[in-house]
């Protein structure tokens, strides 16, 4: 089941969005690392790729019966895990849609993108990443294993590094006080009413 969830995420939230972006804008939205990228951007990309590939390998090994969960998930845990994973996928897709043509994978410092603050973005600065993290927690519950936990944590670290040291500085340079004001009103991954801030 973990592999099925992973492939669903890959097809809908990654491949589907790239295809739709290209269809409507003529641009796939992918901004790869280049010689001008910072070391932190390179590190976050390497960590993200490491997490992505290791999760794929782990879910594949699980599907063919080589890797066993260290905790046997019961029916309730399995249903909860699938629900979390699907909710993460849906949140990711809706957030990508609401970002519109400003959506990118990676940052091109020379680009001028609009600051999206409506819809889900009025509550959370990075709902796409929130969806990805929720999806990851669901996968971990489907395949509770120390290797999966480490892979998910590496993915979370890559997101944190990218958001704090690549995306936020770029948006501050691009949008200045408007983005600073937006940061003061919202949090990175959760609506403020959830954690009482």
Protein backbone atom coordinates (compact mmCIF):
# COMPACT_ATOMS: atom_id res chain seq x y z
CA UNK A 1 0.00 0.00 0.00
CA UNK A 2 2.89 2.40 0.74
CA UNK A 3 4.18 2.00 -2.82
CA UNK A 4 0.69 2.67 -4.19
CA UNK A 5 0.50 5.90 -2.18
CA UNK A 6 3.97 6.92 -3.33
CA UNK A 7 3.14 6.34 -7.01
CA UNK A 8 -0.17 8.20 -6.58
CA UNK A 9 1.72 11.18 -5.14
CA UNK A 10 4.31 11.00 -7.91
CA UNK A 11 1.70 10.88 -10.68
CA UNK A 12 -0.73 13.49 -9.33
CA UNK A 13 1.28 15.95 -7.25
CA UNK A 14 4.53 15.89 -9.25
CA UNK A 15 3.98 14.66 -12.80
CA UNK A 16 0.43 15.97 -13.03
CA UNK A 17 1.38 19.45 -11.88
CA UNK A 18 4.39 19.65 -14.20
CA UNK A 19 2.18 18.60 -17.13
CA UNK A 20 -0.56 21.11 -16.27
CA UNK A 21 1.97 23.90 -15.76
CA UNK A 22 3.45 23.20 -19.17
CA UNK A 23 0.03 23.00 -20.82
CA UNK A 24 -1.12 26.39 -19.52
CA UNK A 25 2.17 28.33 -19.53
CA UNK A 26 4.53 26.53 -21.91
CA UNK A 27 6.94 26.24 -18.96
CA UNK A 28 7.38 23.07 -16.86
CA UNK A 29 8.19 25.11 -13.73
CA UNK A 30 11.34 23.15 -12.81
CA UNK A 31 14.28 25.31 -11.76
CA UNK A 32 17.27 22.97 -11.33
CA UNK A 33 20.45 23.69 -9.45
CA UNK A 34 22.93 25.63 -11.59
CA UNK A 35 26.49 26.99 -11.17
CA UNK A 36 25.08 30.17 -9.57
CA UNK A 37 23.12 28.26 -6.91
CA UNK A 38 24.21 28.63 -3.30
CA UNK A 39 25.75 25.77 -1.34
CA UNK A 40 22.66 25.57 0.86
CA UNK A 41 20.45 25.25 -2.24
CA UNK A 42 22.66 22.44 -3.48
CA UNK A 43 22.59 20.71 -0.08
CA UNK A 44 18.80 20.95 0.23
CA UNK A 45 18.41 19.54 -3.29
CA UNK A 46 20.74 16.61 -2.54
CA UNK A 47 18.86 15.87 0.68
CA UNK A 48 15.49 16.04 -1.09
CA UNK A 49 16.66 13.70 -3.83
CA UNK A 50 18.13 11.33 -1.23
CA UNK A 51 14.83 11.29 0.68
CA UNK A 52 12.78 10.83 -2.48
CA UNK A 53 14.86 7.92 -3.78
CA UNK A 54 15.17 6.19 -0.42
CA UNK A 55 11.40 6.39 0.18
CA UNK A 56 10.81 4.93 -3.28
CA UNK A 57 13.27 2.07 -2.65
CA UNK A 58 11.81 1.37 0.80
CA UNK A 59 8.23 1.26 -0.47
CA UNK A 60 9.33 -0.99 -3.35
CA UNK A 61 11.14 -3.37 -0.97
CA UNK A 62 8.01 -3.41 1.20
CA UNK A 63 5.80 -4.21 -1.80
CA UNK A 64 7.92 -7.21 -2.84
CA UNK A 65 8.17 -8.49 0.73
CA UNK A 66 11.86 -7.87 1.42
CA UNK A 67 11.41 -5.09 3.98
CA UNK A 68 9.10 -5.64 6.93
CA UNK A 69 7.51 -2.98 9.15
CA UNK A 70 9.07 -2.92 12.61
CA UNK A 71 5.60 -2.32 14.04
CA UNK A 72 2.77 -4.26 12.47
CA UNK A 73 0.14 -1.67 11.56
CA UNK A 74 -3.37 -2.73 12.56
CA UNK A 75 -6.42 -1.98 10.48
CA UNK A 76 -7.13 1.33 12.24
CA UNK A 77 -3.53 2.47 11.82
CA UNK A 78 -3.59 1.48 8.16
CA UNK A 79 -6.82 3.37 7.49
CA UNK A 80 -5.45 6.40 9.36
CA UNK A 81 -2.21 6.23 7.38
CA UNK A 82 -4.04 6.07 4.04
CA UNK A 83 -6.26 8.97 5.11
CA UNK A 84 -3.22 11.06 6.10
CA UNK A 85 -1.42 10.25 2.85
CA UNK A 86 -4.43 11.07 0.68
CA UNK A 87 -5.10 14.26 2.65
CA UNK A 88 -1.47 15.26 2.10
CA UNK A 89 -1.80 14.62 -1.64
CA UNK A 90 -5.03 16.63 -1.86
CA UNK A 91 -3.56 19.53 0.14
CA UNK A 92 -0.48 19.54 -2.09
CA UNK A 93 -2.54 19.58 -5.29
CA UNK A 94 -4.96 22.29 -4.10
CA UNK A 95 -2.02 24.42 -2.93
CA UNK A 96 -0.26 24.00 -6.27
CA UNK A 97 -3.45 25.00 -8.08
CA UNK A 98 -3.90 28.09 -5.91
CA UNK A 99 -0.30 29.12 -6.55
CA UNK A 100 -1.14 29.25 -10.26
CA UNK A 101 1.60 30.29 -12.67
CA UNK A 102 3.89 31.32 -9.78
CA UNK A 103 4.43 27.61 -8.94
CA UNK A 104 8.02 26.40 -9.25
CA UNK A 105 10.23 23.51 -8.17
CA UNK A 106 13.40 25.34 -7.18
CA UNK A 107 14.28 29.02 -7.36
CA UNK A 108 15.62 31.07 -10.24
CA UNK A 109 16.98 34.29 -8.72
CA UNK A 110 16.46 36.15 -11.99
CA UNK A 111 12.72 35.47 -12.11
CA UNK A 112 10.01 37.85 -10.98
CA UNK A 113 7.12 35.80 -9.58
CA UNK A 114 4.03 37.15 -7.87
CA UNK A 115 3.50 36.75 -4.13
CA UNK A 116 0.51 34.46 -3.58
CA UNK A 117 -1.33 35.21 -0.32
CA UNK A 118 -4.92 34.17 -1.06
CA UNK A 119 -6.81 30.92 -0.44
CA UNK A 120 -4.83 28.44 1.65
CA UNK A 121 -1.88 30.83 1.46
CA UNK A 122 -3.78 33.31 3.62
CA UNK A 123 -3.42 30.77 6.45
CA UNK A 124 -0.05 29.09 5.73
CA UNK A 125 3.05 30.30 3.91
CA UNK A 126 4.00 26.88 2.51
CA UNK A 127 0.92 24.64 2.22
CA UNK A 128 2.53 22.58 -0.55
CA UNK A 129 5.25 21.54 1.87
CA UNK A 130 2.65 21.01 4.60
CA UNK A 131 0.91 18.56 2.27
CA UNK A 132 4.18 16.81 1.45
CA UNK A 133 5.00 16.45 5.16
CA UNK A 134 1.52 15.10 5.94
CA UNK A 135 1.91 12.64 3.08
CA UNK A 136 5.26 11.56 4.54
CA UNK A 137 3.74 10.94 7.98
CA UNK A 138 1.09 8.79 6.33
CA UNK A 139 3.78 6.75 4.56
CA UNK A 140 5.63 6.30 7.84
CA UNK A 141 2.46 4.93 9.47
CA UNK A 142 1.99 2.57 6.53
CA UNK A 143 5.59 1.37 6.77
CA UNK A 144 6.72 1.98 10.37
CA UNK A 145 10.41 1.31 10.03
CA UNK A 146 13.54 3.13 11.22
CA UNK A 147 14.74 3.51 7.62
CA UNK A 148 11.48 5.14 6.58
CA UNK A 149 11.64 7.45 9.60
CA UNK A 150 15.18 8.54 8.65
CA UNK A 151 14.14 9.07 5.03
CA UNK A 152 11.17 11.23 6.05
CA UNK A 153 13.35 13.24 8.47
CA UNK A 154 15.91 13.86 5.70
CA UNK A 155 13.06 15.10 3.51
CA UNK A 156 11.84 17.40 6.27
CA UNK A 157 15.37 18.77 6.75
CA UNK A 158 15.68 19.45 3.02
CA UNK A 159 12.40 21.40 3.08
CA UNK A 160 13.45 23.42 6.13
CA UNK A 161 16.80 24.35 4.58
CA UNK A 162 15.19 25.28 1.27
CA UNK A 163 12.41 27.35 2.82
CA UNK A 164 14.55 29.23 5.37
CA UNK A 165 17.72 29.78 3.36
CA UNK A 166 16.65 29.75 -0.29
CA UNK A 167 12.98 30.65 -0.77
CA UNK A 168 12.51 33.17 2.04
CA UNK A 169 15.62 35.25 1.24
CA UNK A 170 14.62 35.24 -2.44
CA UNK A 171 11.06 36.38 -1.66
CA UNK A 172 12.33 39.04 0.74
CA UNK A 173 14.59 40.44 -1.96
CA UNK A 174 11.80 40.28 -4.52
CA UNK A 175 8.83 41.53 -2.49
CA UNK A 176 10.45 43.32 0.44
CA UNK A 177 8.05 44.71 3.08
CA UNK A 178 5.05 42.96 1.48
CA UNK A 179 6.58 39.53 2.13
CA UNK A 180 7.86 40.57 5.55
CA UNK A 181 4.35 41.63 6.52
CA UNK A 182 2.97 38.34 5.18
CA UNK A 183 5.53 36.40 7.25
CA UNK A 184 4.44 38.27 10.36
CA UNK A 185 0.79 37.27 9.79
CA UNK A 186 1.28 33.60 8.92
CA UNK A 187 3.47 30.64 9.88
CA UNK A 188 5.40 28.36 7.59
CA UNK A 189 3.47 25.08 7.76
CA UNK A 190 0.49 25.31 10.13
CA UNK A 191 -2.32 27.82 10.57
CA UNK A 192 -1.73 29.80 13.75
CA UNK A 193 -5.03 28.72 15.32
CA UNK A 194 -3.77 25.09 15.38
CA UNK A 195 -0.78 25.76 17.61
CA UNK A 196 -2.24 28.74 19.45
CA UNK A 197 0.28 31.37 18.28
